[in-house]
Protein backbone atom coordinates (compact mmCIF):
# COMPACT_ATOMS: atom_id res chain seq x y z
CA MET A 1 -30.48 29.90 124.95
CA ALA A 2 -29.97 28.19 128.31
CA ALA A 3 -32.69 25.66 127.45
CA ILE A 4 -30.98 24.78 124.16
CA CYS A 5 -27.65 24.42 125.94
CA ASN A 6 -29.21 22.02 128.45
CA VAL A 7 -30.74 19.98 125.63
CA LEU A 8 -27.28 19.77 124.10
CA ILE A 9 -25.73 18.65 127.38
CA ILE A 10 -28.32 15.92 127.91
CA SER A 11 -28.20 14.95 124.24
CA ALA A 12 -24.43 14.64 124.43
CA ALA A 13 -24.74 12.32 127.42
CA LEU A 14 -27.33 10.21 125.62
CA ALA A 15 -25.47 10.24 122.32
CA ALA A 16 -22.47 8.67 124.00
CA ALA A 17 -24.61 5.80 125.26
CA PRO A 18 -24.19 3.34 122.37
CA SER A 19 -20.40 3.54 122.65
CA MET A 20 -20.34 3.25 126.45
CA ALA A 21 -23.54 1.39 127.23
CA THR A 22 -22.28 0.13 130.56
CA SER A 23 -21.54 3.60 131.89
CA LEU A 24 -24.71 5.57 131.08
CA VAL A 25 -27.00 5.53 134.12
CA THR A 26 -30.64 6.59 133.91
CA PHE A 27 -33.11 7.09 136.74
CA VAL A 28 -36.83 7.18 135.86
CA PHE A 29 -39.51 8.91 137.96
CA GLY A 30 -43.12 8.83 136.86
CA ASP A 31 -46.57 7.29 136.80
CA SER A 32 -48.28 4.50 134.86
CA LEU A 33 -46.95 5.82 131.55
CA THR A 34 -43.43 4.77 132.59
CA GLU A 35 -44.03 2.16 135.30
CA VAL A 36 -42.36 -1.21 134.75
CA GLY A 37 -43.66 -3.12 137.77
CA ASN A 38 -43.22 -1.31 141.09
CA ASN A 39 -46.90 -1.57 141.98
CA ASN A 40 -46.69 -5.36 141.68
CA TYR A 41 -44.88 -5.22 145.02
CA LEU A 42 -47.53 -3.07 146.74
CA GLN A 43 -49.92 -5.62 148.25
CA PHE A 44 -52.98 -3.39 148.51
CA SER A 45 -52.51 -1.25 145.41
CA LEU A 46 -55.49 -1.02 143.09
CA ALA A 47 -53.30 0.49 140.37
CA LYS A 48 -51.84 -2.68 138.89
CA SER A 49 -51.49 -4.11 135.41
CA ASN A 50 -49.85 -7.48 136.11
CA TYR A 51 -52.64 -9.47 134.45
CA PRO A 52 -54.01 -10.02 130.92
CA PHE A 53 -54.46 -8.33 128.54
CA TYR A 54 -51.54 -6.14 129.51
CA GLY A 55 -48.22 -7.36 128.15
CA VAL A 56 -49.71 -9.52 125.39
CA ASP A 57 -47.27 -8.00 122.88
CA TYR A 58 -44.34 -7.69 125.30
CA ILE A 59 -41.42 -10.14 125.30
CA GLY A 60 -42.83 -13.53 126.33
CA GLY A 61 -46.40 -12.25 126.01
CA LYS A 62 -46.82 -11.83 129.77
CA ALA A 63 -47.95 -8.91 131.90
CA THR A 64 -45.08 -7.25 133.76
CA GLY A 65 -46.79 -4.29 135.39
CA ARG A 66 -46.52 -2.05 132.32
CA PHE A 67 -49.82 -0.32 131.56
CA THR A 68 -49.86 -1.18 127.87
CA ASN A 69 -49.88 -4.21 125.60
CA GLY A 70 -46.12 -4.01 125.06
CA ARG A 71 -43.39 -1.48 125.71
CA THR A 72 -43.45 1.89 127.40
CA ILE A 73 -41.87 4.97 125.84
CA GLY A 74 -39.04 4.53 128.36
CA ASP A 75 -38.39 0.98 127.18
CA ILE A 76 -38.13 2.15 123.59
CA ILE A 77 -35.86 5.12 124.43
CA SER A 78 -33.56 2.76 126.36
CA SER A 79 -33.45 0.42 123.37
CA LYS A 80 -32.56 3.31 121.05
CA LEU A 81 -29.75 4.24 123.45
CA GLY A 82 -28.46 0.68 123.45
CA ILE A 83 -28.96 0.19 127.19
CA PRO A 84 -31.27 -2.07 129.21
CA ALA A 85 -34.47 -0.52 130.54
CA PRO A 86 -33.92 0.22 134.26
CA PRO A 87 -35.65 -2.33 136.53
CA PRO A 88 -38.37 -1.42 139.05
CA TYR A 89 -36.94 -0.15 142.34
CA LEU A 90 -39.03 -2.46 144.50
CA SER A 91 -37.67 -5.52 142.69
CA LEU A 92 -34.11 -4.79 143.84
CA ALA A 93 -32.33 -5.61 147.09
CA PRO A 94 -30.34 -2.80 148.78
CA ASN A 95 -27.06 -4.48 147.78
CA ASP A 96 -28.07 -5.30 144.19
CA ASP A 97 -25.44 -4.44 141.56
CA ALA A 98 -28.26 -3.26 139.28
CA LEU A 99 -28.61 -0.11 141.42
CA LEU A 100 -25.35 1.09 139.87
CA GLU A 101 -26.82 0.89 136.37
CA GLY A 102 -30.09 2.80 136.80
CA VAL A 103 -33.47 2.36 138.47
CA ASN A 104 -37.12 2.96 137.57
CA TYR A 105 -39.15 4.42 140.46
CA ALA A 106 -42.36 5.09 138.48
CA SER A 107 -45.65 4.01 139.99
CA GLY A 108 -49.13 3.83 138.50
CA GLY A 109 -51.43 6.37 140.14
CA ALA A 110 -48.55 8.57 141.27
CA GLY A 111 -48.72 12.32 141.21
CA ILE A 112 -46.84 15.44 142.15
CA LEU A 113 -49.22 15.83 145.09
CA ASN A 114 -49.28 13.16 147.79
CA ASP A 115 -53.08 12.96 147.88
CA THR A 116 -53.33 12.31 144.14
CA GLY A 117 -54.63 8.81 143.38
CA LEU A 118 -55.71 8.35 147.00
CA TYR A 119 -58.38 5.82 146.01
CA PHE A 120 -55.71 3.46 144.64
CA ILE A 121 -54.83 2.84 148.32
CA GLN A 122 -51.15 2.20 147.59
CA ARG A 123 -48.91 3.96 145.05
CA LEU A 124 -45.56 5.74 145.18
CA SER A 125 -46.01 9.50 144.89
CA PHE A 126 -43.20 11.67 143.53
CA ASP A 127 -42.19 12.38 147.14
CA ASP A 128 -42.04 8.61 147.79
CA GLN A 129 -39.98 8.09 144.65
CA ILE A 130 -37.49 10.77 145.70
CA LYS A 131 -37.18 9.11 149.13
CA ASN A 132 -36.46 5.81 147.37
CA PHE A 133 -33.82 7.50 145.23
CA GLU A 134 -32.23 8.81 148.43
CA LYS A 135 -32.10 5.22 149.72
CA THR A 136 -30.59 4.16 146.39
CA LYS A 137 -27.85 6.76 146.73
CA GLU A 138 -27.05 5.52 150.23
CA SER A 139 -26.78 1.96 148.88
CA ILE A 140 -24.55 3.14 146.04
CA LYS A 141 -22.41 5.05 148.53
CA ALA A 142 -21.97 1.86 150.57
CA ARG A 143 -20.82 0.05 147.43
CA ILE A 144 -18.47 2.55 145.77
CA GLY A 145 -17.88 5.24 148.37
CA GLU A 146 -19.20 8.77 148.72
CA LYS A 147 -17.02 10.26 146.00
CA GLY A 148 -18.00 7.57 143.51
CA ALA A 149 -21.68 7.86 144.40
CA ASN A 150 -21.65 11.63 143.96
CA LYS A 151 -19.94 11.28 140.57
CA LEU A 152 -22.42 8.64 139.39
CA CYS A 153 -25.44 10.72 140.44
CA LYS A 154 -24.15 13.91 138.86
CA GLU A 155 -23.39 12.21 135.54
CA ALA A 156 -26.65 10.23 135.39
CA VAL A 157 -29.65 11.32 133.33
CA TYR A 158 -32.99 11.67 135.13
CA PHE A 159 -36.23 11.17 133.21
CA ILE A 160 -39.22 12.66 135.04
CA GLY A 161 -42.84 12.54 133.91
CA LEU A 162 -45.63 13.33 136.36
CA GLY A 163 -48.74 15.49 136.49
CA SER A 164 -51.27 13.46 134.50
CA ASN A 165 -52.76 11.84 137.60
CA ASP A 166 -52.89 15.16 139.40
CA TYR A 167 -55.53 16.06 136.82
CA VAL A 168 -57.17 12.77 135.80
CA ASN A 169 -57.18 11.17 139.26
CA ASN A 170 -57.46 14.27 141.38
CA PHE A 171 -58.57 17.71 140.14
CA LEU A 172 -60.95 16.38 137.46
CA GLN A 173 -62.70 14.00 139.86
CA PRO A 174 -65.82 15.77 141.18
CA PHE A 175 -65.96 13.67 144.35
CA LEU A 176 -62.42 14.59 145.49
CA ALA A 177 -61.62 17.61 147.64
CA ASP A 178 -59.04 19.36 145.43
CA GLY A 179 -61.44 19.89 142.53
CA GLN A 180 -63.93 21.52 144.90
CA GLN A 181 -61.46 23.34 147.13
CA TYR A 182 -59.34 25.07 144.47
CA THR A 183 -59.86 27.05 141.30
CA HIS A 184 -57.62 25.80 138.50
CA ASP A 185 -55.21 28.70 138.95
CA GLU A 186 -54.89 27.86 142.65
CA PHE A 187 -54.44 24.17 141.93
CA LEU A 188 -51.83 24.91 139.27
CA GLY A 189 -49.95 27.13 141.72
CA LEU A 190 -49.93 24.29 144.24
CA LEU A 191 -48.64 21.83 141.62
CA ILE A 192 -45.84 24.13 140.46
CA SER A 193 -44.67 25.13 143.95
CA THR A 194 -44.66 21.48 145.05
CA LEU A 195 -42.82 20.38 141.90
CA GLY A 196 -40.23 23.11 142.41
CA GLU A 197 -39.50 21.81 145.91
CA GLN A 198 -39.26 18.24 144.63
CA LEU A 199 -36.87 19.03 141.77
CA THR A 200 -34.74 21.06 144.18
CA ARG A 201 -34.62 18.09 146.55
CA LEU A 202 -33.46 15.85 143.69
CA TYR A 203 -30.82 18.45 142.85
CA ARG A 204 -29.56 18.40 146.44
CA LEU A 205 -29.28 14.63 146.21
CA GLY A 206 -26.94 15.05 143.25
CA ALA A 207 -29.23 15.14 140.21
CA ARG A 208 -28.05 17.60 137.57
CA LYS A 209 -29.20 16.37 134.13
CA MET A 210 -32.97 16.26 134.56
CA LEU A 211 -35.43 15.90 131.66
CA PHE A 212 -39.05 16.68 132.55
CA HIS A 213 -41.57 15.23 130.11
CA GLY A 214 -44.55 17.58 129.75
CA LEU A 215 -48.16 16.49 129.64
CA GLY A 216 -50.00 15.45 126.50
CA PRO A 217 -53.59 16.48 125.60
CA LEU A 218 -55.37 14.74 128.48
CA GLY A 219 -58.68 16.04 127.20
CA CYS A 220 -58.35 13.67 124.24
CA ILE A 221 -57.73 10.40 126.07
CA PRO A 222 -60.69 7.97 125.99
CA SER A 223 -61.47 8.36 129.71
CA GLN A 224 -62.10 12.07 129.16
CA ARG A 225 -63.78 11.86 125.73
CA VAL A 226 -66.63 9.83 127.21
CA LYS A 227 -67.57 12.92 129.23
CA SER A 228 -68.39 14.71 125.96
CA SER A 229 -71.84 14.10 124.52
CA ARG A 230 -70.27 13.66 121.07
CA GLY A 231 -67.10 11.90 122.17
CA GLN A 232 -64.90 14.88 121.38
CA CYS A 233 -61.76 16.16 123.11
CA LEU A 234 -62.42 18.27 126.19
CA LYS A 235 -61.02 21.67 125.23
CA GLN A 236 -60.97 23.05 128.77
CA VAL A 237 -58.89 20.14 130.04
CA ASN A 238 -56.42 20.61 127.19
CA LEU A 239 -56.15 24.33 127.96
CA TRP A 240 -55.37 23.52 131.58
CA VAL A 241 -52.71 21.03 130.49
CA GLN A 242 -51.10 23.63 128.25
CA GLN A 243 -51.08 26.07 131.17
CA PHE A 244 -49.36 23.42 133.28
CA ASN A 245 -46.72 22.82 130.62
CA SER A 246 -46.08 26.55 130.27
CA GLU A 247 -45.66 27.01 134.02
CA VAL A 248 -43.31 24.03 134.28
CA GLN A 249 -41.12 25.54 131.56
CA LYS A 250 -40.93 28.78 133.54
CA LEU A 251 -40.12 26.82 136.70
CA ILE A 252 -37.32 24.93 134.96
CA ALA A 253 -35.83 28.15 133.59
CA ASN A 254 -35.89 29.62 137.09
CA LEU A 255 -34.26 26.56 138.66
CA ASN A 256 -31.52 26.59 136.03
CA ARG A 257 -30.78 30.21 136.91
CA HIS A 258 -30.60 29.65 140.65
CA LEU A 259 -29.14 26.15 141.07
CA PRO A 260 -25.43 26.02 140.15
CA SER A 261 -24.64 23.48 137.39
CA ALA A 262 -28.32 22.50 137.09
CA GLN A 263 -29.17 21.22 133.61
CA LEU A 264 -32.94 20.82 133.63
CA THR A 265 -34.73 20.45 130.30
CA PHE A 266 -38.41 20.39 129.36
CA ALA A 267 -39.55 17.94 126.68
CA ASP A 268 -42.72 19.33 125.10
CA THR A 269 -44.51 16.56 123.22
CA TYR A 270 -48.05 17.97 123.55
CA GLN A 271 -48.38 18.78 119.85
CA ALA A 272 -46.85 15.46 118.78
CA VAL A 273 -49.37 13.51 120.84
CA PHE A 274 -52.25 15.72 119.72
CA ASP A 275 -51.30 15.24 116.06
CA LEU A 276 -51.13 11.47 116.53
CA ILE A 277 -54.65 11.51 118.00
CA ASP A 278 -56.05 14.05 115.53
CA ASN A 279 -54.48 12.50 112.42
CA PRO A 280 -54.08 8.80 113.22
CA THR A 281 -54.07 7.61 109.60
CA ALA A 282 -50.95 9.70 108.91
CA TYR A 283 -49.11 7.36 111.28
CA GLY A 284 -50.70 4.10 110.17
CA PHE A 285 -53.47 3.95 112.79
CA LYS A 286 -57.20 3.62 112.23
CA VAL A 287 -58.70 4.46 115.65
CA SER A 288 -57.73 7.13 118.17
CA ASN A 289 -60.98 8.07 119.91
CA THR A 290 -61.43 4.82 121.82
CA SER A 291 -59.23 1.97 123.05
CA CYS A 292 -58.28 -1.40 121.62
CA CYS A 293 -59.27 -3.04 124.88
CA ASN A 294 -62.99 -2.45 125.40
CA VAL A 295 -63.06 -1.00 128.91
CA ASP A 296 -65.70 0.29 131.31
CA THR A 297 -64.72 3.86 132.12
CA GLN A 298 -67.18 3.80 135.03
CA LEU A 299 -65.13 1.05 136.66
CA GLY A 300 -61.65 2.47 136.30
CA GLY A 301 -61.00 2.27 132.56
CA LEU A 302 -58.32 -0.40 132.76
CA CYS A 303 -58.11 -3.49 130.56
CA VAL A 304 -59.22 -6.55 132.56
CA PRO A 305 -59.05 -10.29 131.73
CA ASN A 306 -62.71 -10.48 130.65
CA SER A 307 -62.45 -7.47 128.32
CA ASN A 308 -62.96 -7.73 124.58
CA VAL A 309 -59.77 -6.82 122.73
CA CYS A 310 -59.52 -5.54 119.15
CA LYS A 311 -58.12 -7.91 116.54
CA ASN A 312 -55.28 -5.70 115.24
CA HIS A 313 -53.56 -4.02 118.19
CA SER A 314 -51.38 -1.82 116.01
CA GLU A 315 -54.41 -0.04 114.51
CA TYR A 316 -55.30 1.66 117.80
CA VAL A 317 -53.55 4.63 119.41
CA PHE A 318 -54.85 3.70 122.87
CA TRP A 319 -54.68 0.36 124.64
CA ASP A 320 -57.06 1.27 127.48
CA ALA A 321 -58.88 4.44 128.54
CA PHE A 322 -55.64 6.14 129.61
CA HIS A 323 -52.56 4.59 128.07
CA PRO A 324 -51.12 4.43 124.54
CA SER A 325 -50.61 1.13 122.76
CA ASP A 326 -47.17 -0.29 122.05
CA ALA A 327 -47.45 0.93 118.44
CA ALA A 328 -48.32 4.47 119.59
CA ASN A 329 -45.48 4.44 122.12
CA GLU A 330 -43.13 3.52 119.26
CA VAL A 331 -44.22 6.63 117.34
CA LEU A 332 -44.07 8.92 120.38
CA ALA A 333 -40.70 7.61 121.55
CA GLY A 334 -39.31 8.23 118.07
CA LYS A 335 -40.56 11.81 118.16
CA LEU A 336 -39.16 12.41 121.64
CA PHE A 337 -35.82 10.89 120.67
CA ALA A 338 -35.71 13.09 117.55
CA GLU A 339 -36.48 16.15 119.68
CA LEU A 340 -33.60 15.38 122.01
CA PHE A 341 -31.23 15.27 119.05
CA SER A 342 -32.77 18.10 117.04
CA HIS A 343 -30.23 20.65 118.26
CA PRO A 344 -26.85 19.56 116.88
CA PRO A 345 -23.84 21.07 118.67
CA SER A 346 -22.67 24.24 116.98
CA ALA A 347 -19.43 26.12 117.07
CA ALA A 348 -19.10 28.89 119.64
CA PRO A 349 -19.96 32.31 118.18
CA VAL A 350 -17.01 34.40 117.06
CA PRO A 351 -16.69 37.52 119.26
CA SER A 352 -17.48 40.76 117.50
CA PRO A 353 -14.38 42.86 116.73
């Protein structure tokens, strides 16, 4: 019941957006699935997408740092809400008015754990992103005062989506320590305890309406399929992902019970993503087992300027070995948006006589 109530609270805040577009503030924390260009500002980062063929279907046809050919799910959700997509944090000065309207802290290669994505050299982990949000709050406080800053942060909606890299670019990599040091149950325990501390820290900084986006079937993305002799989904990886999602839901329920006024919600889109991959033709796609951009999974799996790109981008679910295409993001954003509004407010129950 509490989870449904929190969905209603967040849905109510989002539903009001079109009529008060200038007042809804969203803060985005995540990885390459939601990044909009922070890593462009990290000189030594190897997790960048500010070159062709990324962005070929985005406004202007240029790469912006989004890891897809067009829009991210976040871009599309913002559009549906009638608000601009929040800009990358590292593009803003401390006194920029845009800080008052929402910020995107997401960084390609980021994870819940600080050592995730270590071989990218530079990326903003979830801890780094929370530190940057703390700096944002201080800047907002300097602009509108402590009372105003506290009000803005408590009324804002926080979109959080991390964990994919903790598997793909950490636990599942045989040459990294975590995959050798921990069993999956131990690794999962570390992820959940760390995430709990991080969400609590965000809460203490004023975040109340937090939406955590669960993981999709990572065992079905092209970078994992190539590990199967027949190019099939890796069932064990998908089982681990489902365990992660289940434990995050328990964590969120526990935080809602123990943190006054906390309104955390879990968005479970695992089945929606799996269905899109398993039944692509039902959504107008032709290919879901490989990417539109012909990539070398042995060399990172990203789309590079000398890659061969498919003719019809909208026929492919994946743009590169990890990330959905613009067309797939359109489908997934629509499903997520529908989920957020699938629980219409109902009248309070009449007390029994």
